[in-house]
Amino acid sequence: MAGEGLEDILVPGLSVVFCGINPGLLAASQGHHFAGRSNRFWRTLHLAGFTPHEVQAEDDRSLVQFGCGLTAVVERPTARADQLAVAEFAAAAMGFEQKITRYAPRYVAFLGKPAYAALSGQKVVAWGPQAKTFGGAQVWVLPNPSGRNLAFNLQQLVDAYRQLQVAASEPKI
């Protein structure tokens, strides 16, 4: 469980696990990841090539059939991610890394820089692939698809996510 009605959507050996910072209040109350009309996650995933059609939030569990999973670093739902304390990331770090190790995805994609920065101890985090692995998975940092993230338009989100989709589609070496 990711807490308060929002379950992780994970099975062993996925290609990509998308990792939100924490559940939004609407997502937690509805029990579905990235719920809300302003959230661009599902549209971005489809346009970037992860899914053959735009999945609806209420069908979030179907994402595993496309080799993808969903989780969050911090389980506590909030209205905005900036309502989380740094200590909450520290408290979640060990359990979260164990979860990634247990499910062994090829990539873990952090949606936004704050969670990965807190978990990695890095003050400066670049977008895209990271040099270090996390829980045995390759790390990718993507812009958060929240409708509140006005720094990225839909096309910029799609372009960033497509880079991961291309990398995840390549055969393992």
Protein backbone atom coordinates (compact mmCIF):
# COMPACT_ATOMS: atom_id res chain seq x y z
CA MET A 1 0.00 0.00 0.00
CA ALA A 2 1.18 3.52 -0.73
CA GLY A 3 -1.04 4.74 2.10
CA GLU A 4 -4.59 5.93 2.66
CA GLY A 5 -6.16 4.06 -0.24
CA LEU A 6 -3.45 4.52 -2.86
CA GLU A 7 -1.76 1.21 -3.57
CA ASP A 8 1.53 0.74 -5.36
CA ILE A 9 1.15 -0.79 -8.79
CA LEU A 10 4.20 -3.02 -8.91
CA VAL A 11 5.14 -6.47 -10.10
CA PRO A 12 8.66 -7.89 -10.33
CA GLY A 13 10.82 -7.11 -13.35
CA LEU A 14 9.05 -4.10 -14.86
CA SER A 15 10.82 -1.99 -17.44
CA VAL A 16 10.02 1.32 -15.71
CA VAL A 17 8.60 2.24 -12.32
CA PHE A 18 7.33 5.82 -12.29
CA CYS A 19 7.85 7.30 -8.87
CA GLY A 20 5.79 10.24 -7.74
CA ILE A 21 6.85 12.42 -4.84
CA ASN A 22 3.72 11.54 -2.83
CA PRO A 23 0.02 11.00 -3.53
CA GLY A 24 -2.18 14.01 -4.11
CA LEU A 25 -5.32 14.28 -2.01
CA LEU A 26 -7.62 13.53 -4.96
CA ALA A 27 -5.58 10.49 -6.03
CA ALA A 28 -5.59 9.14 -2.46
CA SER A 29 -9.33 9.72 -2.01
CA GLN A 30 -10.15 8.03 -5.34
CA GLY A 31 -7.56 5.28 -4.91
CA HIS A 32 -6.01 5.92 -8.34
CA HIS A 33 -2.66 7.37 -9.27
CA PHE A 34 -2.52 10.72 -11.06
CA ALA A 35 -6.25 11.34 -10.78
CA GLY A 36 -7.52 14.77 -11.67
CA ARG A 37 -8.20 16.40 -14.99
CA SER A 38 -5.25 18.79 -14.73
CA ASN A 39 -2.69 16.01 -14.28
CA ARG A 40 -0.90 15.30 -17.55
CA PHE A 41 0.68 11.97 -16.59
CA TRP A 42 -1.59 9.63 -18.57
CA ARG A 43 -1.60 11.76 -21.71
CA THR A 44 2.17 12.18 -21.52
CA LEU A 45 2.74 8.43 -21.15
CA HIS A 46 0.64 7.71 -24.20
CA LEU A 47 2.14 10.44 -26.38
CA ALA A 48 5.66 9.38 -25.34
CA GLY A 49 4.96 5.82 -26.52
CA PHE A 50 4.66 3.93 -23.22
CA THR A 51 1.03 2.97 -23.86
CA PRO A 52 -0.87 2.33 -27.13
CA HIS A 53 -3.80 4.45 -25.89
CA GLU A 54 -4.38 7.01 -23.17
CA VAL A 55 -5.01 5.06 -19.98
CA GLN A 56 -7.55 6.59 -17.61
CA ALA A 57 -6.61 7.03 -13.95
CA GLU A 58 -9.30 4.53 -12.91
CA ASP A 59 -7.51 1.93 -15.07
CA ASP A 60 -4.10 2.64 -13.53
CA ARG A 61 -3.56 -1.04 -12.64
CA SER A 62 -3.49 -1.88 -16.36
CA LEU A 63 -0.16 -0.09 -16.66
CA VAL A 64 1.75 -3.26 -15.72
CA GLN A 65 0.69 -4.88 -19.00
CA PHE A 66 2.83 -2.22 -20.71
CA GLY A 67 5.86 -2.98 -18.52
CA CYS A 68 5.37 -0.01 -16.19
CA GLY A 69 4.53 0.44 -12.53
CA LEU A 70 3.66 3.25 -10.14
CA THR A 71 4.70 4.18 -6.62
CA ALA A 72 5.54 7.21 -4.50
CA VAL A 73 8.51 7.97 -2.26
CA VAL A 74 6.46 9.41 0.62
CA GLU A 75 3.15 7.72 1.38
CA ARG A 76 1.41 10.69 3.06
CA PRO A 77 -1.04 12.44 0.73
CA THR A 78 -0.91 16.23 0.52
CA ALA A 79 -2.53 18.91 -1.59
CA ARG A 80 0.90 20.00 -2.84
CA ALA A 81 4.28 18.25 -2.78
CA ASP A 82 5.89 21.28 -1.14
CA GLN A 83 3.87 20.48 1.99
CA LEU A 84 6.24 17.58 2.72
CA ALA A 85 9.09 17.99 5.18
CA VAL A 86 12.64 16.95 4.24
CA ALA A 87 12.52 14.57 7.21
CA GLU A 88 9.68 12.66 5.53
CA PHE A 89 11.97 11.80 2.61
CA ALA A 90 14.70 10.69 5.01
CA ALA A 91 12.22 8.54 6.94
CA ALA A 92 10.99 6.91 3.71
CA ALA A 93 14.41 6.37 2.10
CA MET A 94 15.35 2.91 3.36
CA GLY A 95 11.94 1.33 2.84
CA PHE A 96 11.62 2.89 -0.59
CA GLU A 97 15.03 1.61 -1.70
CA GLN A 98 14.15 -1.87 -0.40
CA LYS A 99 10.92 -1.75 -2.42
CA ILE A 100 12.82 -0.91 -5.61
CA THR A 101 15.36 -3.66 -4.89
CA ARG A 102 12.56 -6.20 -4.25
CA TYR A 103 10.66 -5.43 -7.47
CA ALA A 104 13.84 -4.98 -9.56
CA PRO A 105 12.65 -2.69 -12.36
CA ARG A 106 15.13 -1.81 -15.08
CA TYR A 107 14.52 1.92 -14.53
CA VAL A 108 13.10 3.96 -11.69
CA ALA A 109 11.84 7.29 -12.99
CA PHE A 110 11.51 10.03 -10.39
CA LEU A 111 8.84 12.53 -11.37
CA GLY A 112 10.43 15.78 -10.31
CA LYS A 113 13.80 16.53 -8.75
CA PRO A 114 12.92 16.94 -5.03
CA ALA A 115 12.45 13.26 -4.14
CA TYR A 116 15.57 12.07 -5.94
CA ALA A 117 17.62 14.96 -4.55
CA ALA A 118 16.52 14.06 -1.03
CA LEU A 119 17.15 10.32 -1.50
CA SER A 120 20.51 10.72 -3.24
CA GLY A 121 21.80 13.55 -1.08
CA GLN A 122 22.58 15.57 -4.20
CA LYS A 123 21.90 19.28 -4.04
CA VAL A 124 21.92 19.65 -7.83
CA VAL A 125 20.09 17.09 -9.97
CA ALA A 126 20.00 17.15 -13.76
CA TRP A 127 17.04 16.02 -15.84
CA GLY A 128 17.33 12.66 -17.55
CA PRO A 129 19.53 9.64 -16.79
CA GLN A 130 21.61 9.69 -13.63
CA ALA A 131 25.07 8.20 -13.08
CA LYS A 132 24.13 6.28 -9.92
CA THR A 133 21.71 3.38 -9.63
CA PHE A 134 19.03 3.20 -6.94
CA GLY A 135 18.03 -0.15 -5.48
CA GLY A 136 19.75 -1.78 -8.44
CA ALA A 137 17.70 0.16 -11.01
CA GLN A 138 18.95 2.77 -13.42
CA VAL A 139 17.66 6.21 -12.43
CA TRP A 140 15.94 8.72 -14.68
CA VAL A 141 14.63 12.09 -13.48
CA LEU A 142 11.61 13.45 -15.36
CA PRO A 143 9.57 16.63 -14.97
CA ASN A 144 6.54 16.25 -12.74
CA PRO A 145 3.38 16.02 -14.91
CA SER A 146 1.21 17.87 -12.41
CA GLY A 147 -0.95 20.60 -13.89
CA ARG A 148 0.66 22.86 -11.28
CA ASN A 149 4.05 22.41 -12.95
CA LEU A 150 3.88 25.35 -15.33
CA ALA A 151 7.61 25.16 -16.15
CA PHE A 152 6.90 22.39 -18.69
CA ASN A 153 4.24 22.33 -21.37
CA LEU A 154 2.79 19.06 -22.65
CA GLN A 155 5.21 18.79 -25.57
CA GLN A 156 8.21 19.31 -23.31
CA LEU A 157 6.91 16.59 -20.98
CA VAL A 158 6.37 14.21 -23.90
CA ASP A 159 9.87 14.87 -25.25
CA ALA A 160 11.45 14.18 -21.84
CA TYR A 161 9.42 11.01 -21.25
CA ARG A 162 10.04 9.77 -24.80
CA GLN A 163 13.80 9.76 -24.13
CA LEU A 164 13.20 7.29 -21.30
CA GLN A 165 10.80 5.26 -23.42
CA VAL A 166 13.46 4.91 -26.13
CA ALA A 167 16.13 3.91 -23.59
CA ALA A 168 13.78 1.41 -21.92
CA SER A 169 12.94 -0.13 -25.32
CA GLU A 170 16.58 -0.89 -26.08
CA PRO A 171 17.75 -4.41 -25.29
CA LYS A 172 19.67 -4.87 -22.05
CA ILE A 173 23.41 -5.18 -22.54
